[in-house]
N, C-alpha and C. Protein backbone atom coordinates (compact mmCIF):
# COMPACT_ATOMS: atom_id res chain seq x y z
N MET A 1 -41.09 16.72 -30.88
CA MET A 1 -40.81 16.79 -29.47
C MET A 1 -40.98 18.23 -29.00
N LEU A 2 -41.52 18.36 -27.83
CA LEU A 2 -41.81 19.67 -27.27
C LEU A 2 -40.60 20.22 -26.52
N PHE A 3 -40.10 21.36 -26.94
CA PHE A 3 -38.99 22.01 -26.25
C PHE A 3 -39.40 23.34 -25.65
N GLU A 4 -40.27 24.05 -26.29
CA GLU A 4 -40.74 25.35 -25.82
C GLU A 4 -42.24 25.33 -25.76
N PRO A 5 -42.83 25.59 -24.69
CA PRO A 5 -42.26 25.86 -23.38
C PRO A 5 -41.77 24.56 -22.71
N PRO A 6 -40.82 24.70 -21.78
CA PRO A 6 -40.29 23.52 -21.10
C PRO A 6 -41.39 22.77 -20.33
N ILE A 7 -41.30 21.46 -20.30
CA ILE A 7 -42.30 20.63 -19.64
C ILE A 7 -42.44 20.99 -18.16
N ASP A 8 -41.35 21.37 -17.51
CA ASP A 8 -41.41 21.71 -16.09
C ASP A 8 -42.33 22.90 -15.83
N LEU A 9 -42.31 23.88 -16.71
CA LEU A 9 -43.22 25.02 -16.55
C LEU A 9 -44.67 24.60 -16.74
N LEU A 10 -44.91 23.72 -17.70
CA LEU A 10 -46.27 23.23 -17.94
C LEU A 10 -46.77 22.40 -16.76
N VAL A 11 -45.88 21.60 -16.16
CA VAL A 11 -46.27 20.80 -14.99
C VAL A 11 -46.64 21.72 -13.83
N ASN A 12 -45.93 22.82 -13.67
CA ASN A 12 -46.27 23.78 -12.62
C ASN A 12 -47.66 24.36 -12.82
N VAL A 13 -48.05 24.55 -14.06
CA VAL A 13 -49.38 25.10 -14.37
C VAL A 13 -50.46 24.04 -14.21
N ALA A 14 -50.22 22.84 -14.74
CA ALA A 14 -51.25 21.80 -14.79
C ALA A 14 -51.29 20.92 -13.54
N GLY A 15 -50.18 20.80 -12.84
CA GLY A 15 -50.16 19.99 -11.64
C GLY A 15 -49.34 18.72 -11.75
N ASN A 16 -49.39 18.06 -12.91
CA ASN A 16 -48.58 16.85 -13.12
C ASN A 16 -48.44 16.59 -14.61
N ARG A 17 -47.55 15.66 -14.95
CA ARG A 17 -47.27 15.39 -16.37
C ARG A 17 -48.46 14.78 -17.09
N TYR A 18 -49.23 13.96 -16.38
CA TYR A 18 -50.41 13.37 -17.01
C TYR A 18 -51.41 14.46 -17.40
N ALA A 19 -51.61 15.41 -16.50
CA ALA A 19 -52.54 16.51 -16.79
C ALA A 19 -52.05 17.32 -17.99
N VAL A 20 -50.75 17.57 -18.07
CA VAL A 20 -50.19 18.29 -19.21
C VAL A 20 -50.51 17.55 -20.50
N ALA A 21 -50.26 16.25 -20.52
CA ALA A 21 -50.51 15.45 -21.72
C ALA A 21 -51.99 15.46 -22.09
N ALA A 22 -52.85 15.32 -21.10
CA ALA A 22 -54.29 15.28 -21.36
C ALA A 22 -54.80 16.63 -21.87
N ILE A 23 -54.40 17.70 -21.21
CA ILE A 23 -54.88 19.04 -21.58
C ILE A 23 -54.35 19.45 -22.95
N VAL A 24 -53.04 19.31 -23.15
CA VAL A 24 -52.43 19.71 -24.42
C VAL A 24 -52.95 18.83 -25.56
N GLY A 25 -53.07 17.54 -25.32
CA GLY A 25 -53.57 16.64 -26.35
C GLY A 25 -54.99 16.96 -26.77
N ALA A 26 -55.84 17.20 -25.79
CA ALA A 26 -57.24 17.52 -26.10
C ALA A 26 -57.35 18.85 -26.83
N ARG A 27 -56.59 19.83 -26.39
CA ARG A 27 -56.65 21.15 -27.04
C ARG A 27 -56.08 21.07 -28.45
N ALA A 28 -55.00 20.33 -28.64
CA ALA A 28 -54.41 20.19 -29.97
C ALA A 28 -55.40 19.52 -30.93
N LYS A 29 -56.10 18.51 -30.45
CA LYS A 29 -57.11 17.84 -31.27
C LYS A 29 -58.21 18.82 -31.67
N THR A 30 -58.65 19.64 -30.72
CA THR A 30 -59.66 20.65 -31.02
C THR A 30 -59.16 21.64 -32.07
N LEU A 31 -57.92 22.08 -31.92
CA LEU A 31 -57.35 23.02 -32.88
C LEU A 31 -57.27 22.41 -34.28
N ILE A 32 -56.86 21.17 -34.36
CA ILE A 32 -56.75 20.49 -35.66
C ILE A 32 -58.11 20.40 -36.33
N ASN A 33 -59.14 20.13 -35.55
CA ASN A 33 -60.49 19.99 -36.10
C ASN A 33 -61.15 21.33 -36.44
N LYS A 34 -60.85 22.37 -35.67
CA LYS A 34 -61.55 23.65 -35.85
C LYS A 34 -60.85 24.62 -36.78
N ILE A 35 -59.54 24.65 -36.76
CA ILE A 35 -58.82 25.63 -37.59
C ILE A 35 -57.65 24.98 -38.34
N PRO A 36 -57.94 24.02 -39.20
CA PRO A 36 -56.86 23.31 -39.89
C PRO A 36 -56.05 24.20 -40.84
N THR A 37 -56.65 25.24 -41.37
CA THR A 37 -55.90 26.10 -42.30
C THR A 37 -54.78 26.85 -41.59
N MET A 38 -55.00 27.24 -40.35
CA MET A 38 -53.96 27.94 -39.59
C MET A 38 -52.79 27.00 -39.29
N LEU A 39 -53.09 25.72 -39.11
CA LEU A 39 -52.06 24.77 -38.71
C LEU A 39 -51.38 24.08 -39.88
N ASN A 40 -51.88 24.29 -41.08
CA ASN A 40 -51.33 23.65 -42.28
C ASN A 40 -51.23 22.14 -42.14
N GLY A 41 -52.19 21.54 -41.43
CA GLY A 41 -52.22 20.09 -41.28
C GLY A 41 -51.14 19.51 -40.39
N SER A 42 -50.45 20.32 -39.62
CA SER A 42 -49.36 19.84 -38.80
C SER A 42 -49.80 19.64 -37.35
N ALA A 43 -49.70 18.41 -36.88
CA ALA A 43 -50.03 18.12 -35.49
C ALA A 43 -48.99 18.75 -34.56
N ASN A 44 -47.75 18.85 -35.01
CA ASN A 44 -46.70 19.45 -34.17
C ASN A 44 -47.00 20.91 -33.88
N ILE A 45 -47.48 21.63 -34.86
CA ILE A 45 -47.83 23.03 -34.65
C ILE A 45 -48.99 23.13 -33.68
N ALA A 46 -49.96 22.23 -33.80
CA ALA A 46 -51.11 22.23 -32.89
C ALA A 46 -50.67 21.97 -31.46
N ILE A 47 -49.73 21.05 -31.26
CA ILE A 47 -49.23 20.74 -29.92
C ILE A 47 -48.48 21.93 -29.35
N ASP A 48 -47.62 22.54 -30.15
CA ASP A 48 -46.89 23.73 -29.69
C ASP A 48 -47.86 24.84 -29.30
N TYR A 49 -48.85 25.07 -30.14
CA TYR A 49 -49.83 26.12 -29.89
C TYR A 49 -50.60 25.83 -28.61
N ALA A 50 -51.04 24.59 -28.44
CA ALA A 50 -51.79 24.20 -27.25
C ALA A 50 -50.94 24.32 -25.99
N ALA A 51 -49.68 23.94 -26.07
CA ALA A 51 -48.79 24.04 -24.91
C ALA A 51 -48.59 25.49 -24.50
N ASN A 52 -48.43 26.36 -25.48
CA ASN A 52 -48.27 27.78 -25.17
C ASN A 52 -49.55 28.37 -24.58
N GLU A 53 -50.71 27.91 -25.06
CA GLU A 53 -51.98 28.35 -24.49
C GLU A 53 -52.08 27.93 -23.02
N LEU A 54 -51.68 26.71 -22.72
CA LEU A 54 -51.70 26.22 -21.35
C LEU A 54 -50.78 27.07 -20.47
N LEU A 55 -49.60 27.36 -20.94
CA LEU A 55 -48.66 28.17 -20.18
C LEU A 55 -49.19 29.57 -19.90
N ARG A 56 -49.85 30.16 -20.89
CA ARG A 56 -50.43 31.50 -20.72
C ARG A 56 -51.67 31.50 -19.85
N GLY A 57 -52.26 30.32 -19.65
CA GLY A 57 -53.48 30.24 -18.86
C GLY A 57 -54.74 30.40 -19.68
N ASP A 58 -54.60 30.33 -21.02
CA ASP A 58 -55.75 30.47 -21.91
C ASP A 58 -56.61 29.22 -21.92
N VAL A 59 -56.04 28.08 -21.57
CA VAL A 59 -56.77 26.82 -21.54
C VAL A 59 -56.38 26.12 -20.24
N VAL A 60 -57.38 25.59 -19.55
CA VAL A 60 -57.11 24.90 -18.29
C VAL A 60 -57.86 23.57 -18.27
N GLY A 61 -57.38 22.66 -17.45
CA GLY A 61 -58.04 21.38 -17.28
C GLY A 61 -58.81 21.35 -15.98
N ALA A 62 -59.53 20.30 -15.76
CA ALA A 62 -60.35 20.18 -14.56
C ALA A 62 -59.51 20.16 -13.28
N ASN A 63 -58.29 19.62 -13.37
CA ASN A 63 -57.45 19.50 -12.18
C ASN A 63 -56.33 20.53 -12.14
N SER A 64 -56.42 21.57 -12.97
CA SER A 64 -55.36 22.58 -12.98
C SER A 64 -55.37 23.38 -11.70
N LYS A 65 -54.20 23.85 -11.33
CA LYS A 65 -54.08 24.69 -10.14
C LYS A 65 -54.64 26.06 -10.41
């Protein structure tokens, strides 16, 4: 379960909860496929990493503000 960063902050960045799920999910999948050694095979680490990237503005979706 995602606690950091809070979902409300991610919604402010992405626009809505669906966009957060789509952006973070897609980015986490990319991370798992491209750099599995950094993630030690953990999907949870990939999701946390992707969520933090979204919050920082490193990754954006098509409908992001």
